[in-house]
N, C-alpha and C. Protein backbone atom coordinates (compact mmCIF):
# COMPACT_ATOMS: atom_id res chain seq x y z
N UNK A 1 34.80 -10.26 -11.24
CA UNK A 1 34.38 -9.48 -12.38
C UNK A 1 33.85 -10.44 -13.43
N UNK A 2 32.79 -10.04 -14.08
CA UNK A 2 32.20 -10.88 -15.11
C UNK A 2 31.91 -10.02 -16.34
N UNK A 3 32.04 -10.62 -17.50
CA UNK A 3 31.72 -9.93 -18.74
C UNK A 3 30.30 -10.31 -19.14
N UNK A 4 29.38 -9.35 -19.01
CA UNK A 4 27.99 -9.59 -19.38
C UNK A 4 27.72 -9.24 -20.83
N UNK A 5 28.74 -8.80 -21.56
CA UNK A 5 28.57 -8.42 -22.95
C UNK A 5 28.29 -6.93 -23.08
N UNK A 6 28.08 -6.49 -24.28
CA UNK A 6 27.85 -5.08 -24.57
C UNK A 6 26.49 -4.62 -24.05
N UNK A 7 26.43 -3.37 -23.63
CA UNK A 7 25.15 -2.77 -23.23
C UNK A 7 24.43 -2.34 -24.50
N UNK A 8 23.23 -2.85 -24.69
CA UNK A 8 22.46 -2.48 -25.87
C UNK A 8 21.29 -1.56 -25.51
N UNK A 9 20.86 -1.59 -24.26
CA UNK A 9 19.80 -0.72 -23.75
C UNK A 9 20.13 -0.34 -22.32
N UNK A 10 19.76 0.87 -21.94
CA UNK A 10 19.91 1.29 -20.55
C UNK A 10 18.82 2.31 -20.25
N UNK A 11 18.28 2.23 -19.04
CA UNK A 11 17.35 3.27 -18.62
C UNK A 11 17.60 3.58 -17.16
N UNK A 12 17.19 4.77 -16.76
CA UNK A 12 17.34 5.22 -15.38
C UNK A 12 15.95 5.27 -14.77
N UNK A 13 15.84 4.73 -13.57
CA UNK A 13 14.57 4.57 -12.87
C UNK A 13 14.69 5.34 -11.56
N UNK A 14 13.73 6.17 -11.26
CA UNK A 14 13.77 6.87 -9.97
C UNK A 14 12.42 6.72 -9.28
N UNK A 15 12.48 6.57 -7.96
CA UNK A 15 11.27 6.46 -7.15
C UNK A 15 11.46 7.29 -5.89
N UNK A 16 10.37 7.80 -5.38
CA UNK A 16 10.39 8.62 -4.17
C UNK A 16 10.52 7.75 -2.93
N UNK A 17 11.10 8.34 -1.89
CA UNK A 17 11.23 7.65 -0.60
C UNK A 17 9.87 7.10 -0.17
N UNK A 18 9.88 5.89 0.36
CA UNK A 18 8.66 5.27 0.85
C UNK A 18 7.89 4.48 -0.19
N UNK A 19 8.33 4.49 -1.44
CA UNK A 19 7.65 3.75 -2.50
C UNK A 19 7.94 2.26 -2.37
N UNK A 20 6.89 1.45 -2.45
CA UNK A 20 7.02 -0.01 -2.52
C UNK A 20 6.61 -0.42 -3.93
N UNK A 21 7.51 -1.06 -4.64
CA UNK A 21 7.17 -1.62 -5.96
C UNK A 21 6.73 -3.06 -5.70
N UNK A 22 5.46 -3.38 -5.97
CA UNK A 22 4.93 -4.71 -5.65
C UNK A 22 5.75 -5.84 -6.29
N UNK A 23 5.54 -7.04 -5.80
CA UNK A 23 6.27 -8.21 -6.30
C UNK A 23 6.17 -8.29 -7.82
N UNK A 24 7.32 -8.51 -8.43
CA UNK A 24 7.39 -8.62 -9.89
C UNK A 24 8.62 -9.44 -10.25
N UNK A 25 8.61 -9.99 -11.45
CA UNK A 25 9.76 -10.73 -11.97
C UNK A 25 10.54 -9.82 -12.90
N UNK A 26 11.82 -10.12 -13.05
CA UNK A 26 12.64 -9.43 -14.03
C UNK A 26 12.15 -9.85 -15.42
N UNK A 27 11.99 -8.90 -16.35
CA UNK A 27 11.53 -9.27 -17.69
C UNK A 27 12.59 -10.05 -18.48
N UNK A 28 13.84 -9.88 -18.10
CA UNK A 28 14.99 -10.58 -18.68
C UNK A 28 16.14 -10.39 -17.70
N UNK A 29 17.18 -11.16 -17.76
CA UNK A 29 18.32 -10.93 -16.87
C UNK A 29 18.90 -9.54 -17.13
N UNK A 30 19.18 -8.80 -16.06
CA UNK A 30 19.77 -7.48 -16.21
C UNK A 30 20.58 -7.10 -14.98
N UNK A 31 21.41 -6.10 -15.14
CA UNK A 31 22.23 -5.56 -14.07
C UNK A 31 21.60 -4.24 -13.63
N UNK A 32 21.51 -4.03 -12.33
CA UNK A 32 20.99 -2.79 -11.76
C UNK A 32 22.09 -2.15 -10.93
N UNK A 33 22.36 -0.88 -11.17
CA UNK A 33 23.38 -0.14 -10.42
C UNK A 33 22.68 1.00 -9.70
N UNK A 34 22.84 1.07 -8.38
CA UNK A 34 22.24 2.14 -7.59
C UNK A 34 23.09 3.39 -7.77
N UNK A 35 22.48 4.46 -8.27
CA UNK A 35 23.20 5.71 -8.51
C UNK A 35 23.13 6.63 -7.30
N UNK A 36 21.97 6.67 -6.63
CA UNK A 36 21.85 7.48 -5.42
C UNK A 36 20.69 6.96 -4.59
N UNK A 37 20.75 7.24 -3.31
CA UNK A 37 19.69 6.85 -2.39
C UNK A 37 19.93 5.48 -1.78
N UNK A 38 18.93 5.05 -1.03
CA UNK A 38 18.98 3.75 -0.35
C UNK A 38 17.71 2.98 -0.69
N UNK A 39 17.89 1.71 -0.99
CA UNK A 39 16.74 0.86 -1.29
C UNK A 39 16.96 -0.53 -0.75
N UNK A 40 15.91 -1.31 -0.76
CA UNK A 40 16.04 -2.71 -0.35
C UNK A 40 15.24 -3.58 -1.30
N UNK A 41 15.71 -4.80 -1.43
CA UNK A 41 15.04 -5.80 -2.25
C UNK A 41 14.72 -6.98 -1.35
N UNK A 42 13.48 -7.45 -1.45
CA UNK A 42 13.05 -8.62 -0.69
C UNK A 42 12.73 -9.71 -1.70
N UNK A 43 13.44 -10.83 -1.59
CA UNK A 43 13.23 -11.94 -2.52
C UNK A 43 12.02 -12.77 -2.09
N UNK A 44 11.57 -13.65 -2.97
CA UNK A 44 10.39 -14.46 -2.68
C UNK A 44 10.59 -15.40 -1.50
N UNK A 45 11.85 -15.70 -1.16
CA UNK A 45 12.09 -16.56 0.01
C UNK A 45 12.28 -15.75 1.29
N UNK A 46 12.06 -14.42 1.21
CA UNK A 46 12.10 -13.57 2.40
C UNK A 46 13.44 -12.91 2.69
N UNK A 47 14.46 -13.20 1.92
CA UNK A 47 15.76 -12.57 2.14
C UNK A 47 15.67 -11.09 1.78
N UNK A 48 16.19 -10.23 2.66
CA UNK A 48 16.18 -8.79 2.44
C UNK A 48 17.61 -8.29 2.36
N UNK A 49 17.88 -7.47 1.33
CA UNK A 49 19.20 -6.86 1.18
C UNK A 49 19.02 -5.37 0.91
N UNK A 50 19.86 -4.58 1.57
CA UNK A 50 19.84 -3.13 1.37
C UNK A 50 20.98 -2.74 0.43
N UNK A 51 20.71 -1.72 -0.40
CA UNK A 51 21.68 -1.25 -1.37
C UNK A 51 21.74 0.26 -1.35
N UNK A 52 22.95 0.78 -1.51
CA UNK A 52 23.16 2.22 -1.59
C UNK A 52 23.97 2.55 -2.82
N UNK A 53 24.41 3.80 -2.95
CA UNK A 53 25.16 4.22 -4.13
C UNK A 53 26.34 3.28 -4.44
N UNK A 54 26.43 2.86 -5.69
CA UNK A 54 27.47 1.94 -6.11
C UNK A 54 27.09 0.48 -5.97
N UNK A 55 25.97 0.20 -5.31
CA UNK A 55 25.51 -1.17 -5.16
C UNK A 55 25.11 -1.74 -6.51
N UNK A 56 25.41 -3.01 -6.72
CA UNK A 56 25.11 -3.67 -7.99
C UNK A 56 24.32 -4.94 -7.72
N UNK A 57 23.25 -5.13 -8.48
CA UNK A 57 22.42 -6.33 -8.39
C UNK A 57 22.36 -6.98 -9.76
N UNK A 58 22.41 -8.29 -9.79
CA UNK A 58 22.15 -9.02 -11.02
C UNK A 58 20.79 -9.66 -10.86
N UNK A 59 19.82 -9.18 -11.61
CA UNK A 59 18.44 -9.64 -11.49
C UNK A 59 18.16 -10.70 -12.55
N UNK A 60 17.76 -11.88 -12.09
CA UNK A 60 17.49 -12.96 -13.02
C UNK A 60 16.32 -13.83 -12.58
N UNK A 61 15.45 -13.27 -11.74
CA UNK A 61 14.28 -14.04 -11.29
C UNK A 61 13.16 -13.92 -12.32
N UNK A 62 13.30 -14.67 -13.39
CA UNK A 62 12.38 -14.59 -14.52
C UNK A 62 11.07 -15.33 -14.28
N UNK A 63 11.07 -16.24 -13.32
CA UNK A 63 9.88 -17.01 -12.99
C UNK A 63 9.68 -17.00 -11.49
N UNK A 64 8.60 -17.54 -11.03
CA UNK A 64 8.34 -17.62 -9.60
C UNK A 64 7.60 -16.39 -9.10
N UNK A 65 7.74 -16.12 -7.80
CA UNK A 65 7.00 -15.04 -7.15
C UNK A 65 7.64 -13.67 -7.34
N UNK A 66 8.88 -13.63 -7.81
CA UNK A 66 9.53 -12.36 -8.06
C UNK A 66 10.11 -11.73 -6.79
N UNK A 67 10.31 -10.43 -6.84
CA UNK A 67 10.90 -9.69 -5.73
C UNK A 67 10.16 -8.37 -5.53
N UNK A 68 10.28 -7.81 -4.34
CA UNK A 68 9.69 -6.53 -3.99
C UNK A 68 10.85 -5.54 -3.84
N UNK A 69 10.66 -4.33 -4.35
CA UNK A 69 11.67 -3.29 -4.22
C UNK A 69 11.07 -2.16 -3.39
N UNK A 70 11.85 -1.66 -2.42
CA UNK A 70 11.41 -0.56 -1.58
C UNK A 70 12.43 0.56 -1.62
N UNK A 71 11.95 1.78 -1.75
CA UNK A 71 12.82 2.95 -1.69
C UNK A 71 12.82 3.47 -0.26
N UNK A 72 13.94 3.35 0.43
CA UNK A 72 14.06 3.84 1.79
C UNK A 72 14.20 5.36 1.76
N UNK A 73 15.00 5.87 0.83
CA UNK A 73 15.11 7.30 0.54
C UNK A 73 14.80 7.47 -0.94
N UNK A 74 14.81 8.69 -1.44
CA UNK A 74 14.68 8.87 -2.89
C UNK A 74 15.75 8.01 -3.54
N UNK A 75 15.37 7.26 -4.54
CA UNK A 75 16.25 6.24 -5.11
C UNK A 75 16.35 6.42 -6.62
N UNK A 76 17.57 6.37 -7.13
CA UNK A 76 17.81 6.42 -8.58
C UNK A 76 18.71 5.24 -8.94
N UNK A 77 18.28 4.46 -9.93
CA UNK A 77 19.04 3.28 -10.34
C UNK A 77 19.09 3.21 -11.86
N UNK A 78 20.19 2.68 -12.39
CA UNK A 78 20.34 2.45 -13.82
C UNK A 78 20.21 0.96 -14.08
N UNK A 79 19.44 0.62 -15.09
CA UNK A 79 19.23 -0.78 -15.49
C UNK A 79 19.76 -0.98 -16.88
């Protein structure tokens, strides 16, 4: 468990099944919590991880080639 400090902003992001979000960097370090659906993240070094409800990601790739996000099913996540 880690203390990331108080939440000052939060938004909910939803994408339809089959959506590929092109490679991008995180605008700032943030925590992503999968609320529903299945998705995968592919890092710039080719590592692929799948996430479902309750999955938590700490995104901090502020530089470099970024990551690709894919919605395997309809996907809802809180950032």
